[in-house]
Amino acid sequence: MCASSCKDKHQAILSATLKLLATKGFHGFSIKQLAAEAGVAAGTVYLYFKDKDELIVSLHSNIISTVADAIFESHDTTLPLEQQYRELCIRLWQFCLNNKCMTLCKPQFDHLPENVLDDLYQDTWRQLQPLSDLYEQGRKQGILKNLPNDVLSSFGIEPYVNLAGQQLRGTIKISPDDLNTMLNASWNAISTSKIETQ
């Protein structure tokens, strides 16, 4: 009973943090506001997290875990590398559009203090190991440009998250045809060839 209740409170705090981070930003809410949003006492937050930084790191890890589950769930490493990549991008795009708060939080994570970002960086690549493996395989086969994972992701994967955020805010509208063009463009950005697929 206690374990279930503790887990529920922990999740309620993370969910409330996600909502407030997406709407108010990292510096736009207090622990008192967070506790009210989560439906717990302010002191309860500190039972689970020593400070706001630890809370944000935990939330980020939770988000990356959720993203990884979604995009790698049906990942088939026997497919040609380009097809694997395209399907990962499609699943990421759909996930972002279906999870507004998580998507809109990304810019907040990009501007956290350096020591916090270091913790997030290590945890992110640990959870995105299949993507790292895809990059490594592509470099070895000469299919992908010989660039670090972060650079390949900046050209290939990250634009989907950023553009999904713009679509969710109503500043752009990406059609299915646009998405297919985006898939070709992002593959061309990281690959050593310029072959376009369907």
C-alpha atoms as a PDB file:
ATOM      1  CA  MET A   1       0.000   0.000   0.000  1.00  0.00           C
ATOM      2  CA  CYS A   2       2.777   2.425   0.987  1.00  0.00           C
ATOM      3  CA  ALA A   3       4.877   1.473  -2.057  1.00  0.00           C
ATOM      4  CA  SER A   4       1.932   2.123  -4.353  1.00  0.00           C
ATOM      5  CA  SER A   5       1.127   5.425  -2.651  1.00  0.00           C
ATOM      6  CA  CYS A   6       4.772   6.551  -2.822  1.00  0.00           C
ATOM      7  CA  LYS A   7       4.960   5.640  -6.500  1.00  0.00           C
ATOM      8  CA  ASP A   8       1.756   7.579  -7.174  1.00  0.00           C
ATOM      9  CA  LYS A   9       3.081  10.679  -5.385  1.00  0.00           C
ATOM     10  CA  HIS A  10       6.405  10.435  -7.196  1.00  0.00           C
ATOM     11  CA  GLN A  11       4.613  10.243 -10.547  1.00  0.00           C
ATOM     12  CA  ALA A  12       2.222  13.042  -9.599  1.00  0.00           C
ATOM     13  CA  ILE A  13       5.195  15.300  -8.842  1.00  0.00           C
ATOM     14  CA  LEU A  14       6.868  14.435 -12.160  1.00  0.00           C
ATOM     15  CA  SER A  15       3.630  14.981 -14.094  1.00  0.00           C
ATOM     16  CA  ALA A  16       3.046  18.333 -12.414  1.00  0.00           C
ATOM     17  CA  THR A  17       6.645  19.364 -13.134  1.00  0.00           C
ATOM     18  CA  LEU A  18       6.201  18.459 -16.784  1.00  0.00           C
ATOM     19  CA  LYS A  19       3.049  20.576 -17.038  1.00  0.00           C
ATOM     20  CA  LEU A  20       4.590  23.579 -15.289  1.00  0.00           C
ATOM     21  CA  LEU A  21       7.855  23.333 -17.200  1.00  0.00           C
ATOM     22  CA  ALA A  22       5.976  23.318 -20.516  1.00  0.00           C
ATOM     23  CA  THR A  23       3.783  26.284 -19.594  1.00  0.00           C
ATOM     24  CA  LYS A  24       5.949  28.416 -17.270  1.00  0.00           C
ATOM     25  CA  GLY A  25       9.564  27.424 -17.929  1.00  0.00           C
ATOM     26  CA  PHE A  26      12.268  26.297 -15.503  1.00  0.00           C
ATOM     27  CA  HIS A  27      12.338  29.547 -13.514  1.00  0.00           C
ATOM     28  CA  GLY A  28       8.612  30.243 -13.811  1.00  0.00           C
ATOM     29  CA  PHE A  29       7.347  28.094 -10.959  1.00  0.00           C
ATOM     30  CA  SER A  30       8.171  27.450  -7.324  1.00  0.00           C
ATOM     31  CA  ILE A  31       8.223  24.220  -5.332  1.00  0.00           C
ATOM     32  CA  LYS A  32       5.101  25.519  -3.559  1.00  0.00           C
ATOM     33  CA  GLN A  33       3.285  25.902  -6.895  1.00  0.00           C
ATOM     34  CA  LEU A  34       4.528  22.489  -7.974  1.00  0.00           C
ATOM     35  CA  ALA A  35       3.226  20.881  -4.783  1.00  0.00           C
ATOM     36  CA  ALA A  36      -0.179  22.494  -5.291  1.00  0.00           C
ATOM     37  CA  GLU A  37      -0.297  21.267  -8.904  1.00  0.00           C
ATOM     38  CA  ALA A  38       0.700  17.747  -7.806  1.00  0.00           C
ATOM     39  CA  GLY A  39      -1.761  17.716  -4.921  1.00  0.00           C
ATOM     40  CA  VAL A  40       0.890  17.094  -2.263  1.00  0.00           C
ATOM     41  CA  ALA A  41       2.447  19.069   0.576  1.00  0.00           C
ATOM     42  CA  ALA A  42       5.525  21.137  -0.307  1.00  0.00           C
ATOM     43  CA  GLY A  43       7.588  19.068   2.132  1.00  0.00           C
ATOM     44  CA  THR A  44       6.596  15.915   0.248  1.00  0.00           C
ATOM     45  CA  VAL A  45       8.419  17.115  -2.859  1.00  0.00           C
ATOM     46  CA  TYR A  46      11.651  17.215  -0.845  1.00  0.00           C
ATOM     47  CA  LEU A  47      11.107  13.643   0.338  1.00  0.00           C
ATOM     48  CA  TYR A  48      11.593  12.534  -3.267  1.00  0.00           C
ATOM     49  CA  PHE A  49      13.949  15.192  -4.656  1.00  0.00           C
ATOM     50  CA  LYS A  50      16.623  17.146  -2.791  1.00  0.00           C
ATOM     51  CA  ASP A  51      16.209  20.221  -5.018  1.00  0.00           C
ATOM     52  CA  LYS A  52      14.800  21.521  -8.272  1.00  0.00           C
ATOM     53  CA  ASP A  53      17.851  20.409 -10.270  1.00  0.00           C
ATOM     54  CA  GLU A  54      17.467  16.793  -9.157  1.00  0.00           C
ATOM     55  CA  LEU A  55      13.762  16.966  -9.964  1.00  0.00           C
ATOM     56  CA  ILE A  56      14.469  18.235 -13.489  1.00  0.00           C
ATOM     57  CA  VAL A  57      17.135  15.562 -14.087  1.00  0.00           C
ATOM     58  CA  SER A  58      14.666  12.880 -12.973  1.00  0.00           C
ATOM     59  CA  LEU A  59      11.925  14.310 -15.187  1.00  0.00           C
ATOM     60  CA  HIS A  60      14.266  14.447 -18.186  1.00  0.00           C
ATOM     61  CA  SER A  61      15.311  10.828 -17.642  1.00  0.00           C
ATOM     62  CA  ASN A  62      11.651   9.856 -17.418  1.00  0.00           C
ATOM     63  CA  ILE A  63      10.881  11.666 -20.685  1.00  0.00           C
ATOM     64  CA  ILE A  64      13.828  10.113 -22.533  1.00  0.00           C
ATOM     65  CA  SER A  65      12.773   6.675 -21.282  1.00  0.00           C
ATOM     66  CA  THR A  66       9.245   7.262 -22.584  1.00  0.00           C
ATOM     67  CA  VAL A  67      10.553   8.506 -25.938  1.00  0.00           C
ATOM     68  CA  ALA A  68      12.938   5.547 -26.238  1.00  0.00           C
ATOM     69  CA  ASP A  69      10.134   3.079 -25.504  1.00  0.00           C
ATOM     70  CA  ALA A  70       8.023   4.663 -28.231  1.00  0.00           C
ATOM     71  CA  ILE A  71      10.601   4.949 -30.999  1.00  0.00           C
ATOM     72  CA  PHE A  72      12.473   1.680 -30.402  1.00  0.00           C
ATOM     73  CA  GLU A  73       9.450  -0.518 -29.640  1.00  0.00           C
ATOM     74  CA  SER A  74       9.277  -2.006 -33.150  1.00  0.00           C
ATOM     75  CA  HIS A  75      12.837  -1.151 -34.213  1.00  0.00           C
ATOM     76  CA  ASP A  76      14.052  -3.798 -36.684  1.00  0.00           C
ATOM     77  CA  THR A  77      17.833  -3.857 -37.050  1.00  0.00           C
ATOM     78  CA  THR A  78      17.580  -6.293 -39.993  1.00  0.00           C
ATOM     79  CA  LEU A  79      16.129  -3.579 -42.243  1.00  0.00           C
ATOM     80  CA  PRO A  80      18.364  -1.445 -44.486  1.00  0.00           C
ATOM     81  CA  LEU A  81      19.881   1.388 -42.481  1.00  0.00           C
ATOM     82  CA  GLU A  82      17.977   4.128 -44.292  1.00  0.00           C
ATOM     83  CA  GLN A  83      14.653   2.392 -43.668  1.00  0.00           C
ATOM     84  CA  GLN A  84      15.507   1.942 -39.973  1.00  0.00           C
ATOM     85  CA  TYR A  85      16.320   5.643 -39.733  1.00  0.00           C
ATOM     86  CA  ARG A  86      13.192   6.790 -41.550  1.00  0.00           C
ATOM     87  CA  GLU A  87      10.944   4.652 -39.363  1.00  0.00           C
ATOM     88  CA  LEU A  88      12.613   5.959 -36.204  1.00  0.00           C
ATOM     89  CA  CYS A  89      12.040   9.523 -37.423  1.00  0.00           C
ATOM     90  CA  ILE A  90       8.381   8.836 -38.247  1.00  0.00           C
ATOM     91  CA  ARG A  91       7.780   7.325 -34.806  1.00  0.00           C
ATOM     92  CA  LEU A  92       9.568  10.265 -33.174  1.00  0.00           C
ATOM     93  CA  TRP A  93       7.465  12.771 -35.137  1.00  0.00           C
ATOM     94  CA  GLN A  94       4.226  11.029 -34.165  1.00  0.00           C
ATOM     95  CA  PHE A  95       5.320  10.771 -30.543  1.00  0.00           C
ATOM     96  CA  CYS A  96       6.119  14.486 -30.389  1.00  0.00           C
ATOM     97  CA  LEU A  97       2.751  15.480 -31.829  1.00  0.00           C
ATOM     98  CA  ASN A  98       0.930  13.156 -29.416  1.00  0.00           C
ATOM     99  CA  ASN A  99       2.828  14.337 -26.320  1.00  0.00           C
ATOM    100  CA  LYS A 100       2.559  18.107 -26.326  1.00  0.00           C
ATOM    101  CA  CYS A 101       3.963  18.878 -22.861  1.00  0.00           C
ATOM    102  CA  MET A 102       7.015  16.677 -23.372  1.00  0.00           C
ATOM    103  CA  THR A 103       7.710  18.251 -26.755  1.00  0.00           C
ATOM    104  CA  LEU A 104       7.280  21.818 -25.548  1.00  0.00           C
ATOM    105  CA  CYS A 105       9.632  21.159 -22.616  1.00  0.00           C
ATOM    106  CA  LYS A 106      12.649  20.485 -24.833  1.00  0.00           C
ATOM    107  CA  PRO A 107      13.825  24.121 -25.122  1.00  0.00           C
ATOM    108  CA  GLN A 108      13.741  24.360 -21.319  1.00  0.00           C
ATOM    109  CA  PHE A 109      16.128  21.419 -20.988  1.00  0.00           C
ATOM    110  CA  ASP A 110      18.497  22.951 -23.536  1.00  0.00           C
ATOM    111  CA  HIS A 111      19.083  25.976 -21.281  1.00  0.00           C
ATOM    112  CA  LEU A 112      19.708  24.316 -17.934  1.00  0.00           C
ATOM    113  CA  PRO A 113      22.880  24.944 -15.890  1.00  0.00           C
ATOM    114  CA  GLU A 114      25.994  23.243 -17.267  1.00  0.00           C
ATOM    115  CA  ASN A 115      26.376  20.762 -14.397  1.00  0.00           C
ATOM    116  CA  VAL A 116      22.774  19.637 -14.873  1.00  0.00           C
ATOM    117  CA  LEU A 117      23.243  19.324 -18.638  1.00  0.00           C
ATOM    118  CA  ASP A 118      26.240  17.033 -18.080  1.00  0.00           C
ATOM    119  CA  ASP A 119      24.057  14.603 -16.110  1.00  0.00           C
ATOM    120  CA  LEU A 120      21.335  14.749 -18.751  1.00  0.00           C
ATOM    121  CA  TYR A 121      23.812  14.119 -21.571  1.00  0.00           C
ATOM    122  CA  GLN A 122      25.170  10.860 -20.168  1.00  0.00           C
ATOM    123  CA  ASP A 123      21.723   9.531 -19.300  1.00  0.00           C
ATOM    124  CA  THR A 124      20.273  10.460 -22.700  1.00  0.00           C
ATOM    125  CA  TRP A 125      22.809   8.527 -24.753  1.00  0.00           C
ATOM    126  CA  ARG A 126      22.577   5.548 -22.397  1.00  0.00           C
ATOM    127  CA  GLN A 127      18.840   5.340 -23.062  1.00  0.00           C
ATOM    128  CA  LEU A 128      19.195   6.016 -26.792  1.00  0.00           C
ATOM    129  CA  GLN A 129      21.745   3.246 -27.328  1.00  0.00           C
ATOM    130  CA  PRO A 130      19.939   1.778 -30.394  1.00  0.00           C
ATOM    131  CA  LEU A 131      20.282   5.157 -32.125  1.00  0.00           C
ATOM    132  CA  SER A 132      23.959   5.286 -31.211  1.00  0.00           C
ATOM    133  CA  ASP A 133      24.353   1.772 -32.603  1.00  0.00           C
ATOM    134  CA  LEU A 134      22.654   2.818 -35.850  1.00  0.00           C
ATOM    135  CA  TYR A 135      25.038   5.759 -36.219  1.00  0.00           C
ATOM    136  CA  GLU A 136      28.061   3.568 -35.531  1.00  0.00           C
ATOM    137  CA  GLN A 137      26.934   0.948 -38.042  1.00  0.00           C
ATOM    138  CA  GLY A 138      26.333   3.655 -40.645  1.00  0.00           C
ATOM    139  CA  ARG A 139      29.773   5.189 -40.151  1.00  0.00           C
ATOM    140  CA  LYS A 140      31.487   1.788 -40.382  1.00  0.00           C
ATOM    141  CA  GLN A 141      29.648   0.956 -43.608  1.00  0.00           C
ATOM    142  CA  GLY A 142      30.387   4.385 -45.085  1.00  0.00           C
ATOM    143  CA  ILE A 143      26.667   5.091 -45.352  1.00  0.00           C
ATOM    144  CA  LEU A 144      26.663   7.926 -42.815  1.00  0.00           C
ATOM    145  CA  LYS A 145      29.010  10.878 -42.588  1.00  0.00           C
ATOM    146  CA  ASN A 146      31.942  10.377 -40.239  1.00  0.00           C
ATOM    147  CA  LEU A 147      30.609  12.781 -37.619  1.00  0.00           C
ATOM    148  CA  PRO A 148      29.958  12.392 -33.862  1.00  0.00           C
ATOM    149  CA  ASN A 149      26.541  11.199 -32.704  1.00  0.00           C
ATOM    150  CA  ASP A 150      25.624  14.661 -31.428  1.00  0.00           C
ATOM    151  CA  VAL A 151      26.295  16.238 -34.820  1.00  0.00           C
ATOM    152  CA  LEU A 152      24.348  13.559 -36.693  1.00  0.00           C
ATOM    153  CA  SER A 153      21.433  14.034 -34.292  1.00  0.00           C
ATOM    154  CA  SER A 154      21.566  17.817 -34.678  1.00  0.00           C
ATOM    155  CA  PHE A 155      21.189  17.450 -38.449  1.00  0.00           C
ATOM    156  CA  GLY A 156      18.851  14.477 -38.431  1.00  0.00           C
ATOM    157  CA  ILE A 157      16.779  13.776 -35.324  1.00  0.00           C
ATOM    158  CA  GLU A 158      16.501  17.039 -33.399  1.00  0.00           C
ATOM    159  CA  PRO A 159      14.753  19.024 -36.160  1.00  0.00           C
ATOM    160  CA  TYR A 160      11.730  16.715 -35.841  1.00  0.00           C
ATOM    161  CA  VAL A 161      11.323  17.636 -32.171  1.00  0.00           C
ATOM    162  CA  ASN A 162      11.799  21.347 -32.850  1.00  0.00           C
ATOM    163  CA  LEU A 163       9.415  21.386 -35.819  1.00  0.00           C
ATOM    164  CA  ALA A 164       6.811  19.341 -33.940  1.00  0.00           C
ATOM    165  CA  GLY A 165       6.948  21.987 -31.216  1.00  0.00           C
ATOM    166  CA  GLN A 166       6.308  24.697 -33.790  1.00  0.00           C
ATOM    167  CA  GLN A 167       3.406  22.728 -35.223  1.00  0.00           C
ATOM    168  CA  LEU A 168       1.920  22.246 -31.758  1.00  0.00           C
ATOM    169  CA  ARG A 169       2.194  26.005 -31.154  1.00  0.00           C
ATOM    170  CA  GLY A 170       0.489  26.656 -34.498  1.00  0.00           C
ATOM    171  CA  THR A 171       3.357  28.522 -36.141  1.00  0.00           C
ATOM    172  CA  ILE A 172       3.783  25.971 -38.956  1.00  0.00           C
ATOM    173  CA  LYS A 173       1.718  23.214 -40.548  1.00  0.00           C
ATOM    174  CA  ILE A 174       3.513  20.094 -41.796  1.00  0.00           C
ATOM    175  CA  SER A 175       1.490  18.017 -44.277  1.00  0.00           C
ATOM    176  CA  PRO A 176       2.154  14.301 -44.967  1.00  0.00           C
ATOM    177  CA  ASP A 177       3.931  15.349 -48.183  1.00  0.00           C
ATOM    178  CA  ASP A 178       6.036  17.819 -46.197  1.00  0.00           C
ATOM    179  CA  LEU A 179       6.945  15.061 -43.747  1.00  0.00           C
ATOM    180  CA  ASN A 180       8.150  12.813 -46.566  1.00  0.00           C
ATOM    181  CA  THR A 181      10.279  15.669 -47.912  1.00  0.00           C
ATOM    182  CA  MET A 182      11.634  16.224 -44.385  1.00  0.00           C
ATOM    183  CA  LEU A 183      12.542  12.537 -44.131  1.00  0.00           C
ATOM    184  CA  ASN A 184      14.497  12.747 -47.381  1.00  0.00           C
ATOM    185  CA  ALA A 185      16.184  15.990 -46.327  1.00  0.00           C
ATOM    186  CA  SER A 186      17.212  14.702 -42.909  1.00  0.00           C
ATOM    187  CA  TRP A 187      18.593  11.468 -44.377  1.00  0.00           C
ATOM    188  CA  ASN A 188      20.512  13.446 -46.986  1.00  0.00           C
ATOM    189  CA  ALA A 189      21.919  15.655 -44.217  1.00  0.00           C
ATOM    190  CA  ILE A 190      23.601  12.719 -42.455  1.00  0.00           C
ATOM    191  CA  SER A 191      24.233  10.234 -45.270  1.00  0.00           C
ATOM    192  CA  THR A 192      27.141  10.094 -47.684  1.00  0.00           C
ATOM    193  CA  SER A 193      24.812   9.752 -50.687  1.00  0.00           C
ATOM    194  CA  LYS A 194      21.909  11.788 -52.027  1.00  0.00           C
ATOM    195  CA  ILE A 195      19.543   8.947 -52.864  1.00  0.00           C
ATOM    196  CA  GLU A 196      15.907   9.851 -52.345  1.00  0.00           C
ATOM    197  CA  THR A 197      13.392   7.185 -51.411  1.00  0.00           C
ATOM    198  CA  GLN A 198       9.625   7.090 -51.614  1.00  0.00           C
END
